[in-house]
N, C-alpha and C. Protein backbone atom coordinates (compact mmCIF):
# COMPACT_ATOMS: atom_id res chain seq x y z
N UNK A 1 56.22 6.90 -8.01
CA UNK A 1 55.23 7.60 -7.23
C UNK A 1 54.02 7.97 -8.10
N UNK A 2 54.31 8.40 -9.33
CA UNK A 2 53.25 8.79 -10.24
C UNK A 2 52.35 7.59 -10.56
N UNK A 3 52.97 6.43 -10.76
CA UNK A 3 52.20 5.22 -11.03
C UNK A 3 51.36 4.81 -9.82
N UNK A 4 51.89 5.05 -8.63
CA UNK A 4 51.15 4.72 -7.40
C UNK A 4 49.89 5.57 -7.25
N UNK A 5 49.99 6.86 -7.62
CA UNK A 5 48.83 7.76 -7.56
C UNK A 5 47.79 7.34 -8.58
N UNK A 6 48.24 6.98 -9.79
CA UNK A 6 47.31 6.53 -10.83
C UNK A 6 46.61 5.24 -10.39
N UNK A 7 47.36 4.33 -9.81
CA UNK A 7 46.78 3.07 -9.34
C UNK A 7 45.78 3.34 -8.22
N UNK A 8 46.15 4.20 -7.29
CA UNK A 8 45.23 4.56 -6.20
C UNK A 8 43.95 5.19 -6.74
N UNK A 9 44.08 6.11 -7.70
CA UNK A 9 42.92 6.77 -8.30
C UNK A 9 42.05 5.76 -9.03
N UNK A 10 42.67 4.83 -9.74
CA UNK A 10 41.93 3.79 -10.46
C UNK A 10 41.16 2.90 -9.48
N UNK A 11 41.79 2.48 -8.42
CA UNK A 11 41.12 1.64 -7.41
C UNK A 11 39.99 2.40 -6.72
N UNK A 12 40.21 3.66 -6.43
CA UNK A 12 39.18 4.48 -5.79
C UNK A 12 37.98 4.65 -6.72
N UNK A 13 38.24 4.89 -7.99
CA UNK A 13 37.16 5.03 -8.97
C UNK A 13 36.38 3.73 -9.09
N UNK A 14 37.09 2.61 -9.14
CA UNK A 14 36.43 1.32 -9.24
C UNK A 14 35.54 1.05 -8.04
N UNK A 15 36.01 1.43 -6.85
CA UNK A 15 35.20 1.19 -5.65
C UNK A 15 33.93 2.05 -5.66
N UNK A 16 34.01 3.28 -6.17
CA UNK A 16 32.82 4.12 -6.28
C UNK A 16 31.84 3.55 -7.30
N UNK A 17 32.36 3.07 -8.42
CA UNK A 17 31.50 2.49 -9.45
C UNK A 17 30.80 1.24 -8.95
N UNK A 18 31.52 0.39 -8.25
CA UNK A 18 30.90 -0.85 -7.77
C UNK A 18 29.88 -0.56 -6.68
N UNK A 19 30.11 0.46 -5.88
CA UNK A 19 29.14 0.83 -4.84
C UNK A 19 27.90 1.45 -5.46
N UNK A 20 28.05 2.22 -6.52
CA UNK A 20 26.89 2.86 -7.14
C UNK A 20 26.08 1.88 -7.97
N UNK A 21 26.65 0.76 -8.34
CA UNK A 21 25.92 -0.25 -9.11
C UNK A 21 25.25 -1.27 -8.20
N UNK A 22 25.26 -1.03 -6.93
CA UNK A 22 24.61 -1.93 -5.97
C UNK A 22 23.13 -2.00 -6.26
N UNK A 23 22.50 -3.13 -6.03
CA UNK A 23 21.07 -3.32 -6.26
C UNK A 23 20.29 -2.74 -5.09
N UNK A 24 19.94 -1.46 -5.20
CA UNK A 24 19.16 -0.80 -4.17
C UNK A 24 17.67 -0.90 -4.46
N UNK A 25 17.29 -1.63 -5.48
CA UNK A 25 15.90 -1.78 -5.87
C UNK A 25 15.12 -2.47 -4.76
N UNK A 26 13.94 -1.96 -4.47
CA UNK A 26 13.10 -2.59 -3.45
C UNK A 26 12.13 -3.57 -4.07
N UNK A 27 12.39 -3.98 -5.32
CA UNK A 27 11.62 -4.98 -6.04
C UNK A 27 10.14 -4.63 -6.10
N UNK A 28 9.82 -3.36 -6.30
CA UNK A 28 8.44 -2.93 -6.45
C UNK A 28 7.69 -2.74 -5.16
N UNK A 29 8.30 -3.08 -4.05
CA UNK A 29 7.62 -2.95 -2.77
C UNK A 29 7.62 -1.50 -2.33
N UNK A 30 6.46 -1.04 -1.89
CA UNK A 30 6.37 0.33 -1.39
C UNK A 30 6.95 0.39 0.01
N UNK A 31 7.56 1.51 0.32
CA UNK A 31 8.22 1.66 1.60
C UNK A 31 7.42 2.51 2.58
N UNK A 32 6.27 3.02 2.17
CA UNK A 32 5.44 3.84 3.06
C UNK A 32 4.92 2.96 4.19
N UNK A 33 4.78 3.52 5.39
CA UNK A 33 4.29 2.72 6.51
C UNK A 33 2.81 2.37 6.34
N UNK A 34 2.46 1.18 6.79
CA UNK A 34 1.08 0.71 6.67
C UNK A 34 0.29 0.96 7.94
N UNK A 35 0.97 1.07 9.07
CA UNK A 35 0.29 1.24 10.35
C UNK A 35 -0.34 2.62 10.42
N UNK A 36 -1.67 2.65 10.53
CA UNK A 36 -2.42 3.91 10.60
C UNK A 36 -3.90 3.57 10.73
N UNK A 37 -4.72 4.59 10.87
CA UNK A 37 -6.17 4.41 10.80
C UNK A 37 -6.57 4.79 9.39
N UNK A 38 -7.09 3.80 8.64
CA UNK A 38 -7.46 4.00 7.26
C UNK A 38 -8.97 4.05 7.15
N UNK A 39 -9.48 5.01 6.38
CA UNK A 39 -10.92 5.16 6.14
C UNK A 39 -11.21 4.77 4.70
N UNK A 40 -12.19 3.89 4.50
CA UNK A 40 -12.53 3.51 3.13
C UNK A 40 -13.16 4.70 2.43
N UNK A 41 -12.71 4.97 1.21
CA UNK A 41 -13.25 6.12 0.49
C UNK A 41 -13.89 5.72 -0.84
N UNK A 42 -13.33 4.71 -1.51
CA UNK A 42 -13.88 4.28 -2.79
C UNK A 42 -13.80 2.77 -2.92
N UNK A 43 -14.68 2.21 -3.74
CA UNK A 43 -14.65 0.79 -4.10
C UNK A 43 -14.85 0.70 -5.60
N UNK A 44 -14.48 -0.42 -6.18
CA UNK A 44 -14.69 -0.57 -7.61
C UNK A 44 -14.10 -1.84 -8.15
N UNK A 45 -13.89 -1.85 -9.45
CA UNK A 45 -13.34 -3.00 -10.16
C UNK A 45 -12.67 -2.49 -11.43
N UNK A 46 -12.13 -3.41 -12.22
CA UNK A 46 -11.51 -3.06 -13.49
C UNK A 46 -12.42 -3.53 -14.62
N UNK A 47 -12.76 -2.62 -15.52
CA UNK A 47 -13.61 -2.93 -16.67
C UNK A 47 -12.85 -2.53 -17.93
N UNK A 48 -12.63 -3.50 -18.82
CA UNK A 48 -11.89 -3.26 -20.06
C UNK A 48 -10.55 -2.59 -19.82
N UNK A 49 -9.86 -3.01 -18.77
CA UNK A 49 -8.54 -2.48 -18.47
C UNK A 49 -8.53 -1.15 -17.75
N UNK A 50 -9.70 -0.59 -17.47
CA UNK A 50 -9.79 0.70 -16.77
C UNK A 50 -10.42 0.51 -15.39
N UNK A 51 -9.84 1.15 -14.39
CA UNK A 51 -10.44 1.10 -13.05
C UNK A 51 -11.71 1.94 -13.02
N UNK A 52 -12.76 1.37 -12.48
CA UNK A 52 -14.02 2.09 -12.28
C UNK A 52 -14.25 2.14 -10.78
N UNK A 53 -14.13 3.35 -10.21
CA UNK A 53 -14.26 3.54 -8.77
C UNK A 53 -15.44 4.44 -8.46
N UNK A 54 -16.15 4.12 -7.38
CA UNK A 54 -17.27 4.94 -6.91
C UNK A 54 -17.07 5.18 -5.42
N UNK A 55 -17.76 6.19 -4.90
CA UNK A 55 -17.71 6.42 -3.45
C UNK A 55 -18.19 5.16 -2.74
N UNK A 56 -17.53 4.82 -1.66
CA UNK A 56 -17.86 3.60 -0.93
C UNK A 56 -19.29 3.67 -0.39
N UNK A 57 -20.14 2.70 -0.73
CA UNK A 57 -21.52 2.73 -0.27
C UNK A 57 -21.65 2.60 1.25
N UNK A 58 -20.61 2.07 1.91
CA UNK A 58 -20.68 1.96 3.36
C UNK A 58 -20.59 3.32 4.06
N UNK A 59 -20.16 4.34 3.34
CA UNK A 59 -20.07 5.67 3.92
C UNK A 59 -21.40 6.39 3.73
N UNK A 60 -22.17 6.45 4.80
CA UNK A 60 -23.48 7.08 4.74
C UNK A 60 -23.34 8.57 4.46
N UNK A 61 -24.13 9.09 3.56
CA UNK A 61 -24.03 10.51 3.25
C UNK A 61 -24.46 11.32 4.47
N UNK A 62 -23.79 12.44 4.67
CA UNK A 62 -24.06 13.28 5.82
C UNK A 62 -23.23 12.92 7.04
N UNK A 63 -22.50 11.82 6.97
CA UNK A 63 -21.64 11.38 8.08
C UNK A 63 -20.19 11.41 7.61
N UNK A 64 -19.28 11.42 8.57
CA UNK A 64 -17.88 11.26 8.22
C UNK A 64 -17.67 9.85 7.68
N UNK A 65 -16.49 9.56 7.20
CA UNK A 65 -16.20 8.24 6.63
C UNK A 65 -16.27 7.14 7.68
N UNK A 66 -16.40 5.91 7.18
CA UNK A 66 -16.47 4.70 8.01
C UNK A 66 -17.67 4.68 8.94
N UNK A 67 -18.77 5.25 8.51
CA UNK A 67 -20.00 5.19 9.26
C UNK A 67 -20.99 4.36 8.48
N UNK A 68 -21.80 3.59 9.19
CA UNK A 68 -22.73 2.67 8.54
C UNK A 68 -24.09 2.80 9.21
N UNK A 69 -25.12 3.12 8.44
CA UNK A 69 -26.44 3.36 9.01
C UNK A 69 -27.16 2.08 9.40
N UNK A 70 -26.60 0.90 9.07
CA UNK A 70 -27.27 -0.34 9.46
C UNK A 70 -27.17 -0.57 10.97
N UNK A 71 -26.19 0.04 11.63
CA UNK A 71 -26.05 -0.08 13.08
C UNK A 71 -26.91 0.95 13.79
N UNK A 72 -26.78 2.18 13.40
CA UNK A 72 -27.54 3.32 13.93
C UNK A 72 -27.13 4.51 13.08
N UNK A 73 -27.93 5.58 13.03
CA UNK A 73 -27.54 6.72 12.20
C UNK A 73 -26.15 7.23 12.56
N UNK A 74 -25.29 7.26 11.59
CA UNK A 74 -23.90 7.74 11.73
C UNK A 74 -23.10 6.99 12.80
N UNK A 75 -23.39 5.71 13.00
CA UNK A 75 -22.62 4.90 13.95
C UNK A 75 -21.29 4.53 13.33
N UNK A 76 -20.21 4.63 14.11
CA UNK A 76 -18.89 4.32 13.57
C UNK A 76 -18.76 2.82 13.38
N UNK A 77 -18.06 2.44 12.33
CA UNK A 77 -17.85 1.04 12.00
C UNK A 77 -16.35 0.78 11.92
N UNK A 78 -15.86 -0.20 12.65
CA UNK A 78 -14.45 -0.57 12.59
C UNK A 78 -14.35 -2.06 12.29
N UNK A 79 -13.25 -2.43 11.69
CA UNK A 79 -12.99 -3.81 11.33
C UNK A 79 -11.72 -4.23 12.06
N UNK A 80 -11.86 -4.83 13.23
CA UNK A 80 -10.70 -5.20 14.02
C UNK A 80 -10.29 -6.62 13.71
N UNK A 81 -8.98 -6.86 13.69
CA UNK A 81 -8.46 -8.18 13.41
C UNK A 81 -6.95 -8.13 13.37
N UNK A 82 -6.38 -9.12 12.71
CA UNK A 82 -4.93 -9.19 12.55
C UNK A 82 -4.60 -8.80 11.12
N UNK A 83 -3.73 -7.83 10.98
CA UNK A 83 -3.32 -7.34 9.67
C UNK A 83 -1.82 -7.58 9.54
N UNK A 84 -1.41 -8.29 8.49
CA UNK A 84 0.02 -8.53 8.29
C UNK A 84 0.38 -8.29 6.83
N UNK A 85 1.58 -7.80 6.64
CA UNK A 85 2.05 -7.44 5.30
C UNK A 85 3.25 -8.29 4.95
N UNK A 86 3.24 -8.83 3.74
CA UNK A 86 4.38 -9.54 3.19
C UNK A 86 4.60 -9.01 1.79
N UNK A 87 5.66 -8.25 1.62
CA UNK A 87 5.96 -7.57 0.36
C UNK A 87 4.77 -6.71 -0.05
N UNK A 88 4.14 -6.99 -1.16
CA UNK A 88 2.99 -6.19 -1.61
C UNK A 88 1.68 -6.92 -1.42
N UNK A 89 1.61 -7.76 -0.41
CA UNK A 89 0.37 -8.44 -0.06
C UNK A 89 -0.04 -8.04 1.35
N UNK A 90 -1.34 -7.85 1.54
CA UNK A 90 -1.89 -7.57 2.87
C UNK A 90 -2.83 -8.70 3.22
N UNK A 91 -2.53 -9.40 4.30
CA UNK A 91 -3.38 -10.49 4.78
C UNK A 91 -4.09 -10.02 6.03
N UNK A 92 -5.41 -10.18 6.03
CA UNK A 92 -6.22 -9.82 7.20
C UNK A 92 -6.91 -11.06 7.72
N UNK A 93 -7.00 -11.15 9.03
CA UNK A 93 -7.78 -12.20 9.68
C UNK A 93 -8.78 -11.48 10.56
N UNK A 94 -10.05 -11.49 10.14
CA UNK A 94 -11.13 -10.83 10.87
C UNK A 94 -12.21 -11.86 11.13
N UNK A 95 -12.58 -12.02 12.38
CA UNK A 95 -13.58 -13.01 12.79
C UNK A 95 -13.23 -14.41 12.28
N UNK A 96 -11.94 -14.74 12.30
CA UNK A 96 -11.49 -16.07 11.89
C UNK A 96 -11.40 -16.29 10.40
N UNK A 97 -11.73 -15.29 9.58
CA UNK A 97 -11.67 -15.41 8.13
C UNK A 97 -10.42 -14.69 7.61
N UNK A 98 -9.59 -15.43 6.90
CA UNK A 98 -8.35 -14.88 6.37
C UNK A 98 -8.55 -14.45 4.92
N UNK A 99 -8.07 -13.24 4.59
CA UNK A 99 -8.18 -12.70 3.24
C UNK A 99 -6.85 -12.07 2.87
N UNK A 100 -6.36 -12.38 1.66
CA UNK A 100 -5.13 -11.77 1.17
C UNK A 100 -5.47 -10.93 -0.05
N UNK A 101 -4.97 -9.69 -0.03
CA UNK A 101 -5.19 -8.76 -1.14
C UNK A 101 -3.86 -8.16 -1.56
N UNK A 102 -3.79 -7.77 -2.83
CA UNK A 102 -2.59 -7.11 -3.35
C UNK A 102 -2.62 -5.64 -2.98
N UNK A 103 -1.47 -5.11 -2.55
CA UNK A 103 -1.33 -3.67 -2.33
C UNK A 103 -0.98 -3.06 -3.68
N UNK A 104 -1.94 -2.37 -4.29
CA UNK A 104 -1.74 -1.75 -5.59
C UNK A 104 -0.99 -0.44 -5.44
N UNK A 105 -1.34 0.33 -4.41
CA UNK A 105 -0.71 1.63 -4.18
C UNK A 105 -0.70 1.88 -2.67
N UNK A 106 0.43 2.32 -2.18
CA UNK A 106 0.54 2.69 -0.78
C UNK A 106 1.41 3.94 -0.71
N UNK A 107 0.78 5.05 -0.32
CA UNK A 107 1.51 6.30 -0.11
C UNK A 107 1.28 6.72 1.34
N UNK A 108 1.74 7.88 1.68
CA UNK A 108 1.52 8.37 3.04
C UNK A 108 0.06 8.69 3.30
N UNK A 109 -0.75 8.86 2.25
CA UNK A 109 -2.16 9.24 2.43
C UNK A 109 -3.16 8.28 1.80
N UNK A 110 -2.70 7.33 0.97
CA UNK A 110 -3.65 6.44 0.27
C UNK A 110 -3.17 4.99 0.29
N UNK A 111 -4.14 4.09 0.47
CA UNK A 111 -3.90 2.65 0.38
C UNK A 111 -4.93 2.08 -0.59
N UNK A 112 -4.44 1.46 -1.67
CA UNK A 112 -5.34 0.86 -2.65
C UNK A 112 -5.07 -0.64 -2.69
N UNK A 113 -6.14 -1.42 -2.49
CA UNK A 113 -6.03 -2.88 -2.46
C UNK A 113 -6.85 -3.50 -3.58
N UNK A 114 -6.40 -4.66 -4.08
CA UNK A 114 -7.16 -5.42 -5.08
C UNK A 114 -7.24 -6.86 -4.59
N UNK A 115 -8.47 -7.41 -4.57
CA UNK A 115 -8.64 -8.79 -4.12
C UNK A 115 -8.57 -9.74 -5.32
N UNK A 116 -8.64 -11.04 -5.03
CA UNK A 116 -8.48 -12.06 -6.08
C UNK A 116 -9.57 -11.98 -7.14
N UNK A 117 -10.74 -11.49 -6.79
CA UNK A 117 -11.84 -11.39 -7.77
C UNK A 117 -11.78 -10.09 -8.58
N UNK A 118 -10.78 -9.24 -8.31
CA UNK A 118 -10.63 -7.99 -9.05
C UNK A 118 -11.25 -6.79 -8.37
N UNK A 119 -11.88 -7.00 -7.21
CA UNK A 119 -12.46 -5.89 -6.47
C UNK A 119 -11.38 -4.96 -5.94
N UNK A 120 -11.65 -3.67 -5.99
CA UNK A 120 -10.70 -2.65 -5.56
C UNK A 120 -11.29 -1.88 -4.39
N UNK A 121 -10.46 -1.65 -3.37
CA UNK A 121 -10.86 -0.80 -2.24
C UNK A 121 -9.77 0.26 -2.08
N UNK A 122 -10.21 1.52 -1.95
CA UNK A 122 -9.28 2.63 -1.76
C UNK A 122 -9.56 3.23 -0.39
N UNK A 123 -8.49 3.37 0.40
CA UNK A 123 -8.58 3.91 1.75
C UNK A 123 -7.76 5.19 1.82
N UNK A 124 -8.20 6.12 2.63
CA UNK A 124 -7.41 7.33 2.90
C UNK A 124 -7.06 7.35 4.38
N UNK A 125 -5.93 7.95 4.68
CA UNK A 125 -5.43 7.99 6.05
C UNK A 125 -6.04 9.16 6.78
N UNK A 126 -6.36 8.95 8.06
CA UNK A 126 -6.87 10.01 8.93
C UNK A 126 -5.86 11.12 9.06
């Protein structure tokens, strides 16, 4: 009986160890939801290994975000199209033009994208 308890305890311990060693890694993919209304807040690039970000020029001063004065003073600007995510890539199809960018950071409040030329766009959630 004593050997049976030891064997049972050993098997139980082994099952806990094997379950805790499971690969729960999400392979670097962020799990925050992407579906939302995102407002562009900063743009930039990488210079000498450092990100250089400035306020997005499309945001007219004196207006809320995502406003562009080329349409009319403080006119809202939206970019409608098809947005799809595959791991840490975001592919957009807007006006028939497809663009794929890397998702650098995705949290509940921020989305940071980098395009193939090194351009960076930072969005904040409404």
